[in-house]
Amino acid sequence: MSIDTSTDSESGLVADEELIASGRRQRLLRGAVGSAIFLVVWQVAAMPVPTYLLPTPLEVAQAFVVELTAPAVFTVPLLDIEIGLTRMLVNLSDSLYHYIPGLFVGGAAGIAFGIALGWSELLDDAITPVQRVLRPIPPLAWIAFAIVWLGVNHRGAAFIVGIGAFWINFYNAYAGVKAVPQSTKEVAASLGVDDDLTMIRKVVVPKASPEIMTGIRTSIGQSWMIVVAAELFGAPGVGFQIINAAQNLALDVSVAYMFVISIVFLISDGIFQRVESRVLVWRE
């Protein structure tokens, strides 16, 4: 005689879902309370001092609205097409013009080199001394070369961003490939994978994909930090606007653009999390 346990299992699933939802609500509530406390403390601390020393949240919000609504014209690089936008969107578009190419080109090159060196002992032995010398050099140290080679423009800033994205992705891909167990490759070989390219494509890269995806996600955030620093030498964008406003003692505008970077990062990181969950669905 069998006992029907479907009702018990379904009720257990419902209870688990309720616990998860309850935990999510508690985290959201705690986050809201913590954010409110932070804003209150910030407001109280900033009220006795001038705006050029520490703007209040309200002043930053006002500056944000002004920058978001003030009309401006964006000239599309290379095409010389003028588009009517707002001041904030123009600055953000300028930053994206060197953020996106630098991130994609530097990241793709870093992943490719990381996989190549992680797989080939010959390449690893030959190139490791060079990469150990170059790796400690910060991306900003290449600003002089960026100016001389490419000029004070989007290409120069993209070059700096690309160097930073390269090293982040290189080491994650390299570590991921090195961590693939020899037993996994032996099993694949016994099943008919008998050439290097097939082994890399069907076994090594999928196995190293968690580390590779971590490198990509890290570079998405770190590259925004490099963007701000890369615009120190005069390339247009959000970072330049932060520095320019601070030099004019308009710290409310500077902080407003700092929040722009935070918002864009949160959006891009959220999108990549969804992509990562789909790519690494096999881990669940």
C-alpha atoms as a PDB file:
ATOM      1  CA  MET A   1       0.000   0.000   0.000  1.00  0.00           C
ATOM      2  CA  SER A   2       1.520   3.319  -1.093  1.00  0.00           C
ATOM      3  CA  ILE A   3       1.173   6.596   0.728  1.00  0.00           C
ATOM      4  CA  ASP A   4       0.544   9.779  -1.233  1.00  0.00           C
ATOM      5  CA  THR A   5       3.093  12.355  -0.137  1.00  0.00           C
ATOM      6  CA  SER A   6       2.501  14.871  -2.936  1.00  0.00           C
ATOM      7  CA  THR A   7       0.496  17.160  -0.658  1.00  0.00           C
ATOM      8  CA  ASP A   8       3.277  17.218   1.925  1.00  0.00           C
ATOM      9  CA  SER A   9       5.932  17.966  -0.706  1.00  0.00           C
ATOM     10  CA  GLU A  10       3.858  20.737  -2.268  1.00  0.00           C
ATOM     11  CA  SER A  11       3.216  22.337   1.107  1.00  0.00           C
ATOM     12  CA  GLY A  12       6.929  22.135   1.839  1.00  0.00           C
ATOM     13  CA  LEU A  13       7.736  23.949  -1.406  1.00  0.00           C
ATOM     14  CA  VAL A  14       5.179  26.638  -0.603  1.00  0.00           C
ATOM     15  CA  ALA A  15       6.677  27.070   2.866  1.00  0.00           C
ATOM     16  CA  ASP A  16      10.174  27.389   1.386  1.00  0.00           C
ATOM     17  CA  GLU A  17       8.985  30.003  -1.104  1.00  0.00           C
ATOM     18  CA  GLU A  18       7.316  31.962   1.685  1.00  0.00           C
ATOM     19  CA  LEU A  19      10.523  31.866   3.736  1.00  0.00           C
ATOM     20  CA  ILE A  20      12.539  33.116   0.742  1.00  0.00           C
ATOM     21  CA  ALA A  21      10.035  35.906   0.071  1.00  0.00           C
ATOM     22  CA  SER A  22      10.012  36.866   3.746  1.00  0.00           C
ATOM     23  CA  GLY A  23      13.806  36.996   3.825  1.00  0.00           C
ATOM     24  CA  ARG A  24      13.837  39.146   0.681  1.00  0.00           C
ATOM     25  CA  ARG A  25      11.352  41.594   2.231  1.00  0.00           C
ATOM     26  CA  GLN A  26      13.448  41.814   5.394  1.00  0.00           C
ATOM     27  CA  ARG A  27      16.601  42.558   3.394  1.00  0.00           C
ATOM     28  CA  LEU A  28      14.806  45.250   1.387  1.00  0.00           C
ATOM     29  CA  LEU A  29      13.449  46.799   4.584  1.00  0.00           C
ATOM     30  CA  ARG A  30      16.865  46.803   6.246  1.00  0.00           C
ATOM     31  CA  GLY A  31      18.410  48.302   3.113  1.00  0.00           C
ATOM     32  CA  ALA A  32      15.783  51.051   3.018  1.00  0.00           C
ATOM     33  CA  VAL A  33      16.319  51.850   6.701  1.00  0.00           C
ATOM     34  CA  GLY A  34      20.093  51.897   6.302  1.00  0.00           C
ATOM     35  CA  SER A  35      19.859  54.158   3.247  1.00  0.00           C
ATOM     36  CA  ALA A  36      17.504  56.534   5.064  1.00  0.00           C
ATOM     37  CA  ILE A  37      19.852  56.744   8.054  1.00  0.00           C
ATOM     38  CA  PHE A  38      22.786  57.441   5.725  1.00  0.00           C
ATOM     39  CA  LEU A  39      20.916  60.283   3.993  1.00  0.00           C
ATOM     40  CA  VAL A  40      19.839  61.817   7.303  1.00  0.00           C
ATOM     41  CA  VAL A  41      23.384  61.724   8.684  1.00  0.00           C
ATOM     42  CA  TRP A  42      24.695  63.189   5.424  1.00  0.00           C
ATOM     43  CA  GLN A  43      22.087  65.962   5.483  1.00  0.00           C
ATOM     44  CA  VAL A  44      22.815  66.883   9.103  1.00  0.00           C
ATOM     45  CA  ALA A  45      26.588  66.818   8.584  1.00  0.00           C
ATOM     46  CA  ALA A  46      26.410  68.973   5.440  1.00  0.00           C
ATOM     47  CA  MET A  47      23.969  71.630   6.670  1.00  0.00           C
ATOM     48  CA  PRO A  48      26.481  73.722   8.719  1.00  0.00           C
ATOM     49  CA  VAL A  49      29.122  73.858   5.942  1.00  0.00           C
ATOM     50  CA  PRO A  50      29.101  75.574   2.525  1.00  0.00           C
ATOM     51  CA  THR A  51      28.086  73.626  -0.580  1.00  0.00           C
ATOM     52  CA  TYR A  52      31.594  73.841  -2.028  1.00  0.00           C
ATOM     53  CA  LEU A  53      32.874  71.826   0.962  1.00  0.00           C
ATOM     54  CA  LEU A  54      30.084  69.276   1.324  1.00  0.00           C
ATOM     55  CA  PRO A  55      26.777  69.497  -0.553  1.00  0.00           C
ATOM     56  CA  THR A  56      23.605  68.157   1.034  1.00  0.00           C
ATOM     57  CA  PRO A  57      21.617  65.312  -0.574  1.00  0.00           C
ATOM     58  CA  LEU A  58      18.966  67.844  -1.612  1.00  0.00           C
ATOM     59  CA  GLU A  59      21.540  70.030  -3.347  1.00  0.00           C
ATOM     60  CA  VAL A  60      22.975  67.001  -5.117  1.00  0.00           C
ATOM     61  CA  ALA A  61      19.471  65.969  -6.213  1.00  0.00           C
ATOM     62  CA  GLN A  62      18.848  69.471  -7.574  1.00  0.00           C
ATOM     63  CA  ALA A  63      22.156  69.433  -9.460  1.00  0.00           C
ATOM     64  CA  PHE A  64      21.297  65.988 -10.833  1.00  0.00           C
ATOM     65  CA  VAL A  65      17.959  67.263 -12.189  1.00  0.00           C
ATOM     66  CA  VAL A  66      19.587  70.343 -13.720  1.00  0.00           C
ATOM     67  CA  GLU A  67      22.267  68.295 -15.480  1.00  0.00           C
ATOM     68  CA  LEU A  68      19.690  65.744 -16.609  1.00  0.00           C
ATOM     69  CA  THR A  69      17.402  68.349 -18.137  1.00  0.00           C
ATOM     70  CA  ALA A  70      19.776  71.072 -19.417  1.00  0.00           C
ATOM     71  CA  PRO A  71      19.807  70.880 -23.249  1.00  0.00           C
ATOM     72  CA  ALA A  72      23.069  70.105 -25.009  1.00  0.00           C
ATOM     73  CA  VAL A  73      24.260  68.796 -28.363  1.00  0.00           C
ATOM     74  CA  PHE A  74      26.183  65.546 -28.785  1.00  0.00           C
ATOM     75  CA  THR A  75      28.422  65.175 -31.829  1.00  0.00           C
ATOM     76  CA  VAL A  76      28.809  61.536 -32.829  1.00  0.00           C
ATOM     77  CA  PRO A  77      32.538  60.800 -33.231  1.00  0.00           C
ATOM     78  CA  LEU A  78      33.719  59.928 -36.748  1.00  0.00           C
ATOM     79  CA  LEU A  79      30.281  60.657 -38.224  1.00  0.00           C
ATOM     80  CA  ASP A  80      30.040  64.347 -37.220  1.00  0.00           C
ATOM     81  CA  ILE A  81      26.309  63.964 -36.683  1.00  0.00           C
ATOM     82  CA  GLU A  82      24.775  66.260 -34.079  1.00  0.00           C
ATOM     83  CA  ILE A  83      22.085  64.884 -31.762  1.00  0.00           C
ATOM     84  CA  GLY A  84      20.085  66.943 -29.285  1.00  0.00           C
ATOM     85  CA  LEU A  85      20.422  65.478 -25.800  1.00  0.00           C
ATOM     86  CA  THR A  86      20.846  66.792 -22.273  1.00  0.00           C
ATOM     87  CA  ARG A  87      24.124  67.782 -20.631  1.00  0.00           C
ATOM     88  CA  MET A  88      24.272  64.633 -18.501  1.00  0.00           C
ATOM     89  CA  LEU A  89      23.486  62.317 -21.400  1.00  0.00           C
ATOM     90  CA  VAL A  90      26.132  64.004 -23.543  1.00  0.00           C
ATOM     91  CA  ASN A  91      28.792  63.464 -20.875  1.00  0.00           C
ATOM     92  CA  LEU A  92      27.652  59.886 -20.336  1.00  0.00           C
ATOM     93  CA  SER A  93      27.724  59.213 -24.091  1.00  0.00           C
ATOM     94  CA  ASP A  94      31.265  60.592 -24.283  1.00  0.00           C
ATOM     95  CA  SER A  95      32.371  58.230 -21.506  1.00  0.00           C
ATOM     96  CA  LEU A  96      30.648  55.257 -23.127  1.00  0.00           C
ATOM     97  CA  TYR A  97      32.533  55.964 -26.356  1.00  0.00           C
ATOM     98  CA  HIS A  98      35.786  54.989 -24.695  1.00  0.00           C
ATOM     99  CA  TYR A  99      34.406  52.702 -21.970  1.00  0.00           C
ATOM    100  CA  ILE A 100      32.695  50.208 -24.291  1.00  0.00           C
ATOM    101  CA  PRO A 101      35.500  49.799 -26.887  1.00  0.00           C
ATOM    102  CA  GLY A 102      38.142  49.587 -24.160  1.00  0.00           C
ATOM    103  CA  LEU A 103      36.138  47.038 -22.184  1.00  0.00           C
ATOM    104  CA  PHE A 104      35.342  44.824 -25.171  1.00  0.00           C
ATOM    105  CA  VAL A 105      38.705  44.947 -26.941  1.00  0.00           C
ATOM    106  CA  GLY A 106      40.784  44.744 -23.758  1.00  0.00           C
ATOM    107  CA  GLY A 107      38.551  42.071 -22.243  1.00  0.00           C
ATOM    108  CA  ALA A 108      38.505  39.898 -25.373  1.00  0.00           C
ATOM    109  CA  ALA A 109      42.290  40.155 -25.755  1.00  0.00           C
ATOM    110  CA  GLY A 110      42.809  39.349 -22.066  1.00  0.00           C
ATOM    111  CA  ILE A 111      40.578  36.265 -22.223  1.00  0.00           C
ATOM    112  CA  ALA A 112      42.274  35.041 -25.411  1.00  0.00           C
ATOM    113  CA  PHE A 113      45.781  35.471 -23.995  1.00  0.00           C
ATOM    114  CA  GLY A 114      44.760  33.948 -20.666  1.00  0.00           C
ATOM    115  CA  ILE A 115      43.381  30.842 -22.347  1.00  0.00           C
ATOM    116  CA  ALA A 116      46.414  30.552 -24.633  1.00  0.00           C
ATOM    117  CA  LEU A 117      48.973  30.841 -21.833  1.00  0.00           C
ATOM    118  CA  GLY A 118      46.958  28.671 -19.491  1.00  0.00           C
ATOM    119  CA  TRP A 119      46.804  25.905 -22.079  1.00  0.00           C
ATOM    120  CA  SER A 120      50.288  26.073 -23.649  1.00  0.00           C
ATOM    121  CA  GLU A 121      53.275  25.508 -21.369  1.00  0.00           C
ATOM    122  CA  LEU A 122      55.555  26.737 -24.173  1.00  0.00           C
ATOM    123  CA  LEU A 123      53.778  30.105 -24.398  1.00  0.00           C
ATOM    124  CA  ASP A 124      53.497  30.307 -20.625  1.00  0.00           C
ATOM    125  CA  ASP A 125      57.238  29.811 -20.127  1.00  0.00           C
ATOM    126  CA  ALA A 126      58.111  32.263 -22.909  1.00  0.00           C
ATOM    127  CA  ILE A 127      55.738  35.106 -22.038  1.00  0.00           C
ATOM    128  CA  THR A 128      55.414  34.870 -18.252  1.00  0.00           C
ATOM    129  CA  PRO A 129      58.599  36.904 -17.565  1.00  0.00           C
ATOM    130  CA  VAL A 130      57.277  39.702 -19.798  1.00  0.00           C
ATOM    131  CA  GLN A 131      53.797  39.759 -18.293  1.00  0.00           C
ATOM    132  CA  ARG A 132      55.228  39.748 -14.766  1.00  0.00           C
ATOM    133  CA  VAL A 133      57.172  42.902 -15.634  1.00  0.00           C
ATOM    134  CA  LEU A 134      54.226  44.649 -17.307  1.00  0.00           C
ATOM    135  CA  ARG A 135      51.446  43.592 -14.918  1.00  0.00           C
ATOM    136  CA  PRO A 136      52.434  45.807 -11.933  1.00  0.00           C
ATOM    137  CA  ILE A 137      52.363  48.917 -14.136  1.00  0.00           C
ATOM    138  CA  PRO A 138      49.016  50.655 -13.476  1.00  0.00           C
ATOM    139  CA  PRO A 139      46.884  51.597 -16.499  1.00  0.00           C
ATOM    140  CA  LEU A 140      47.263  55.320 -15.711  1.00  0.00           C
ATOM    141  CA  ALA A 141      51.022  55.052 -16.196  1.00  0.00           C
ATOM    142  CA  TRP A 142      50.291  54.587 -19.915  1.00  0.00           C
ATOM    143  CA  ILE A 143      48.600  57.993 -20.210  1.00  0.00           C
ATOM    144  CA  ALA A 144      51.728  59.557 -21.718  1.00  0.00           C
ATOM    145  CA  PHE A 145      51.788  56.901 -24.446  1.00  0.00           C
ATOM    146  CA  ALA A 146      48.049  57.312 -25.014  1.00  0.00           C
ATOM    147  CA  ILE A 147      48.499  61.046 -25.587  1.00  0.00           C
ATOM    148  CA  VAL A 148      51.521  60.646 -27.879  1.00  0.00           C
ATOM    149  CA  TRP A 149      50.178  57.696 -29.864  1.00  0.00           C
ATOM    150  CA  LEU A 150      46.455  58.484 -30.023  1.00  0.00           C
ATOM    151  CA  GLY A 151      45.916  62.028 -28.734  1.00  0.00           C
ATOM    152  CA  VAL A 152      43.590  63.538 -26.144  1.00  0.00           C
ATOM    153  CA  ASN A 153      40.418  61.921 -27.426  1.00  0.00           C
ATOM    154  CA  HIS A 154      38.186  58.871 -27.139  1.00  0.00           C
ATOM    155  CA  ARG A 155      40.819  56.556 -28.586  1.00  0.00           C
ATOM    156  CA  GLY A 156      43.393  57.568 -25.997  1.00  0.00           C
ATOM    157  CA  ALA A 157      40.950  57.045 -23.128  1.00  0.00           C
ATOM    158  CA  ALA A 158      39.764  53.733 -24.624  1.00  0.00           C
ATOM    159  CA  PHE A 159      43.400  52.616 -24.751  1.00  0.00           C
ATOM    160  CA  ILE A 160      43.779  53.199 -21.001  1.00  0.00           C
ATOM    161  CA  VAL A 161      40.506  51.404 -20.223  1.00  0.00           C
ATOM    162  CA  GLY A 162      41.530  48.528 -22.489  1.00  0.00           C
ATOM    163  CA  ILE A 163      44.778  47.970 -20.589  1.00  0.00           C
ATOM    164  CA  GLY A 164      42.919  47.711 -17.295  1.00  0.00           C
ATOM    165  CA  ALA A 165      40.283  45.352 -18.733  1.00  0.00           C
ATOM    166  CA  PHE A 166      42.999  43.242 -20.351  1.00  0.00           C
ATOM    167  CA  TRP A 167      44.810  42.349 -17.146  1.00  0.00           C
ATOM    168  CA  ILE A 168      41.666  41.634 -15.134  1.00  0.00           C
ATOM    169  CA  ASN A 169      40.344  39.222 -17.754  1.00  0.00           C
ATOM    170  CA  PHE A 170      43.760  37.756 -18.504  1.00  0.00           C
ATOM    171  CA  TYR A 171      44.417  36.541 -14.968  1.00  0.00           C
ATOM    172  CA  ASN A 172      40.921  35.171 -14.439  1.00  0.00           C
ATOM    173  CA  ALA A 173      40.983  33.250 -17.720  1.00  0.00           C
ATOM    174  CA  TYR A 174      44.519  32.039 -17.041  1.00  0.00           C
ATOM    175  CA  ALA A 175      43.623  30.834 -13.557  1.00  0.00           C
ATOM    176  CA  GLY A 176      40.437  29.164 -14.827  1.00  0.00           C
ATOM    177  CA  VAL A 177      42.272  27.200 -17.517  1.00  0.00           C
ATOM    178  CA  LYS A 178      45.058  26.180 -15.134  1.00  0.00           C
ATOM    179  CA  ALA A 179      42.453  24.918 -12.665  1.00  0.00           C
ATOM    180  CA  VAL A 180      40.894  22.449 -15.133  1.00  0.00           C
ATOM    181  CA  PRO A 181      41.725  18.983 -13.725  1.00  0.00           C
ATOM    182  CA  GLN A 182      43.940  16.744 -15.812  1.00  0.00           C
ATOM    183  CA  SER A 183      41.467  13.928 -15.206  1.00  0.00           C
ATOM    184  CA  THR A 184      38.756  15.907 -17.014  1.00  0.00           C
ATOM    185  CA  LYS A 185      40.967  16.300 -20.077  1.00  0.00           C
ATOM    186  CA  GLU A 186      41.884  12.606 -19.980  1.00  0.00           C
ATOM    187  CA  VAL A 187      38.230  11.594 -19.888  1.00  0.00           C
ATOM    188  CA  ALA A 188      37.496  13.902 -22.845  1.00  0.00           C
ATOM    189  CA  ALA A 189      40.418  12.396 -24.770  1.00  0.00           C
ATOM    190  CA  SER A 190      39.136   8.888 -24.116  1.00  0.00           C
ATOM    191  CA  LEU A 191      35.766   9.961 -25.554  1.00  0.00           C
ATOM    192  CA  GLY A 192      37.326  11.085 -28.832  1.00  0.00           C
ATOM    193  CA  VAL A 193      38.509  14.650 -28.277  1.00  0.00           C
ATOM    194  CA  ASP A 194      41.899  14.282 -29.917  1.00  0.00           C
ATOM    195  CA  ASP A 195      42.971  17.803 -30.963  1.00  0.00           C
ATOM    196  CA  ASP A 196      43.828  20.909 -28.971  1.00  0.00           C
ATOM    197  CA  LEU A 197      41.270  23.292 -30.470  1.00  0.00           C
ATOM    198  CA  THR A 198      38.380  20.910 -29.815  1.00  0.00           C
ATOM    199  CA  MET A 199      39.639  20.255 -26.295  1.00  0.00           C
ATOM    200  CA  ILE A 200      39.854  23.985 -25.586  1.00  0.00           C
ATOM    201  CA  ARG A 201      36.464  24.758 -27.142  1.00  0.00           C
ATOM    202  CA  LYS A 202      34.431  21.882 -25.729  1.00  0.00           C
ATOM    203  CA  VAL A 203      36.165  21.075 -22.437  1.00  0.00           C
ATOM    204  CA  VAL A 204      38.616  23.687 -21.150  1.00  0.00           C
ATOM    205  CA  VAL A 205      36.659  26.894 -21.831  1.00  0.00           C
ATOM    206  CA  PRO A 206      33.324  25.547 -20.475  1.00  0.00           C
ATOM    207  CA  LYS A 207      35.102  24.245 -17.378  1.00  0.00           C
ATOM    208  CA  ALA A 208      36.905  27.574 -16.873  1.00  0.00           C
ATOM    209  CA  SER A 209      33.793  29.651 -17.649  1.00  0.00           C
ATOM    210  CA  PRO A 210      33.006  30.525 -13.973  1.00  0.00           C
ATOM    211  CA  GLU A 211      36.415  32.201 -13.592  1.00  0.00           C
ATOM    212  CA  ILE A 212      36.149  33.833 -17.019  1.00  0.00           C
ATOM    213  CA  MET A 213      32.715  35.233 -16.202  1.00  0.00           C
ATOM    214  CA  THR A 214      34.021  36.523 -12.868  1.00  0.00           C
ATOM    215  CA  GLY A 215      36.786  38.359 -14.716  1.00  0.00           C
ATOM    216  CA  ILE A 216      34.309  39.938 -17.127  1.00  0.00           C
ATOM    217  CA  ARG A 217      32.027  41.039 -14.305  1.00  0.00           C
ATOM    218  CA  THR A 218      34.951  42.482 -12.339  1.00  0.00           C
ATOM    219  CA  SER A 219      36.235  44.372 -15.373  1.00  0.00           C
ATOM    220  CA  ILE A 220      32.782  45.899 -15.968  1.00  0.00           C
ATOM    221  CA  GLY A 221      33.039  47.648 -12.603  1.00  0.00           C
ATOM    222  CA  GLN A 222      36.764  48.335 -12.523  1.00  0.00           C
ATOM    223  CA  SER A 223      36.726  49.839 -16.004  1.00  0.00           C
ATOM    224  CA  TRP A 224      34.389  52.595 -14.813  1.00  0.00           C
ATOM    225  CA  MET A 225      36.971  53.541 -12.202  1.00  0.00           C
ATOM    226  CA  ILE A 226      39.621  53.608 -14.922  1.00  0.00           C
ATOM    227  CA  VAL A 227      37.362  55.749 -17.127  1.00  0.00           C
ATOM    228  CA  VAL A 228      37.247  58.502 -14.502  1.00  0.00           C
ATOM    229  CA  ALA A 229      41.010  58.391 -14.079  1.00  0.00           C
ATOM    230  CA  ALA A 230      41.628  58.207 -17.843  1.00  0.00           C
ATOM    231  CA  GLU A 231      39.673  61.430 -18.341  1.00  0.00           C
ATOM    232  CA  LEU A 232      42.112  63.255 -16.084  1.00  0.00           C
ATOM    233  CA  PHE A 233      44.158  64.177 -19.140  1.00  0.00           C
ATOM    234  CA  GLY A 234      41.236  65.977 -20.767  1.00  0.00           C
ATOM    235  CA  ALA A 235      39.180  63.393 -22.653  1.00  0.00           C
ATOM    236  CA  PRO A 236      35.488  64.370 -22.480  1.00  0.00           C
ATOM    237  CA  GLY A 237      33.062  62.424 -20.332  1.00  0.00           C
ATOM    238  CA  VAL A 238      31.617  61.904 -16.891  1.00  0.00           C
ATOM    239  CA  GLY A 239      35.010  61.689 -15.204  1.00  0.00           C
ATOM    240  CA  PHE A 240      36.190  64.942 -16.758  1.00  0.00           C
ATOM    241  CA  GLN A 241      32.961  66.607 -15.647  1.00  0.00           C
ATOM    242  CA  ILE A 242      33.524  65.414 -12.060  1.00  0.00           C
ATOM    243  CA  ILE A 243      37.007  66.911 -12.033  1.00  0.00           C
ATOM    244  CA  ASN A 244      36.013  70.098 -13.870  1.00  0.00           C
ATOM    245  CA  ALA A 245      33.076  70.773 -11.531  1.00  0.00           C
ATOM    246  CA  ALA A 246      35.256  70.189  -8.458  1.00  0.00           C
ATOM    247  CA  GLN A 247      37.836  72.657  -9.749  1.00  0.00           C
ATOM    248  CA  ASN A 248      35.015  75.205 -10.035  1.00  0.00           C
ATOM    249  CA  LEU A 249      33.900  74.375  -6.448  1.00  0.00           C
ATOM    250  CA  ALA A 250      30.622  72.903  -7.732  1.00  0.00           C
ATOM    251  CA  LEU A 251      30.811  69.786  -5.615  1.00  0.00           C
ATOM    252  CA  ASP A 252      27.065  69.207  -5.891  1.00  0.00           C
ATOM    253  CA  VAL A 253      27.555  68.672  -9.633  1.00  0.00           C
ATOM    254  CA  SER A 254      30.574  66.437  -8.992  1.00  0.00           C
ATOM    255  CA  VAL A 255      28.621  64.226  -6.605  1.00  0.00           C
ATOM    256  CA  ALA A 256      25.679  64.110  -9.025  1.00  0.00           C
ATOM    257  CA  TYR A 257      27.972  62.691 -11.719  1.00  0.00           C
ATOM    258  CA  MET A 258      29.469  60.272  -9.211  1.00  0.00           C
ATOM    259  CA  PHE A 259      25.976  58.891  -8.745  1.00  0.00           C
ATOM    260  CA  VAL A 260      25.605  58.660 -12.527  1.00  0.00           C
ATOM    261  CA  ILE A 261      28.543  56.257 -12.601  1.00  0.00           C
ATOM    262  CA  SER A 262      27.024  54.253  -9.753  1.00  0.00           C
ATOM    263  CA  ILE A 263      23.643  54.011 -11.514  1.00  0.00           C
ATOM    264  CA  VAL A 264      25.168  52.942 -14.822  1.00  0.00           C
ATOM    265  CA  PHE A 265      27.321  50.348 -13.074  1.00  0.00           C
ATOM    266  CA  LEU A 266      24.355  48.900 -11.180  1.00  0.00           C
ATOM    267  CA  ILE A 267      22.370  48.596 -14.417  1.00  0.00           C
ATOM    268  CA  SER A 268      25.230  46.989 -16.356  1.00  0.00           C
ATOM    269  CA  ASP A 269      26.091  44.663 -13.474  1.00  0.00           C
ATOM    270  CA  GLY A 270      22.449  43.598 -13.161  1.00  0.00           C
ATOM    271  CA  ILE A 271      22.256  42.840 -16.885  1.00  0.00           C
ATOM    272  CA  PHE A 272      25.472  40.840 -16.766  1.00  0.00           C
ATOM    273  CA  GLN A 273      24.228  38.864 -13.755  1.00  0.00           C
ATOM    274  CA  ARG A 274      21.311  37.671 -15.870  1.00  0.00           C
ATOM    275  CA  VAL A 275      23.661  36.716 -18.712  1.00  0.00           C
ATOM    276  CA  GLU A 276      25.977  34.936 -16.272  1.00  0.00           C
ATOM    277  CA  SER A 277      23.117  32.943 -14.731  1.00  0.00           C
ATOM    278  CA  ARG A 278      22.124  31.723 -18.201  1.00  0.00           C
ATOM    279  CA  VAL A 279      25.668  30.838 -19.243  1.00  0.00           C
ATOM    280  CA  LEU A 280      26.398  29.037 -15.973  1.00  0.00           C
ATOM    281  CA  VAL A 281      22.963  27.424 -15.615  1.00  0.00           C
ATOM    282  CA  TRP A 282      24.683  24.009 -15.604  1.00  0.00           C
ATOM    283  CA  ARG A 283      26.111  24.753 -12.142  1.00  0.00           C
ATOM    284  CA  GLU A 284      22.639  24.798 -10.548  1.00  0.00           C
END
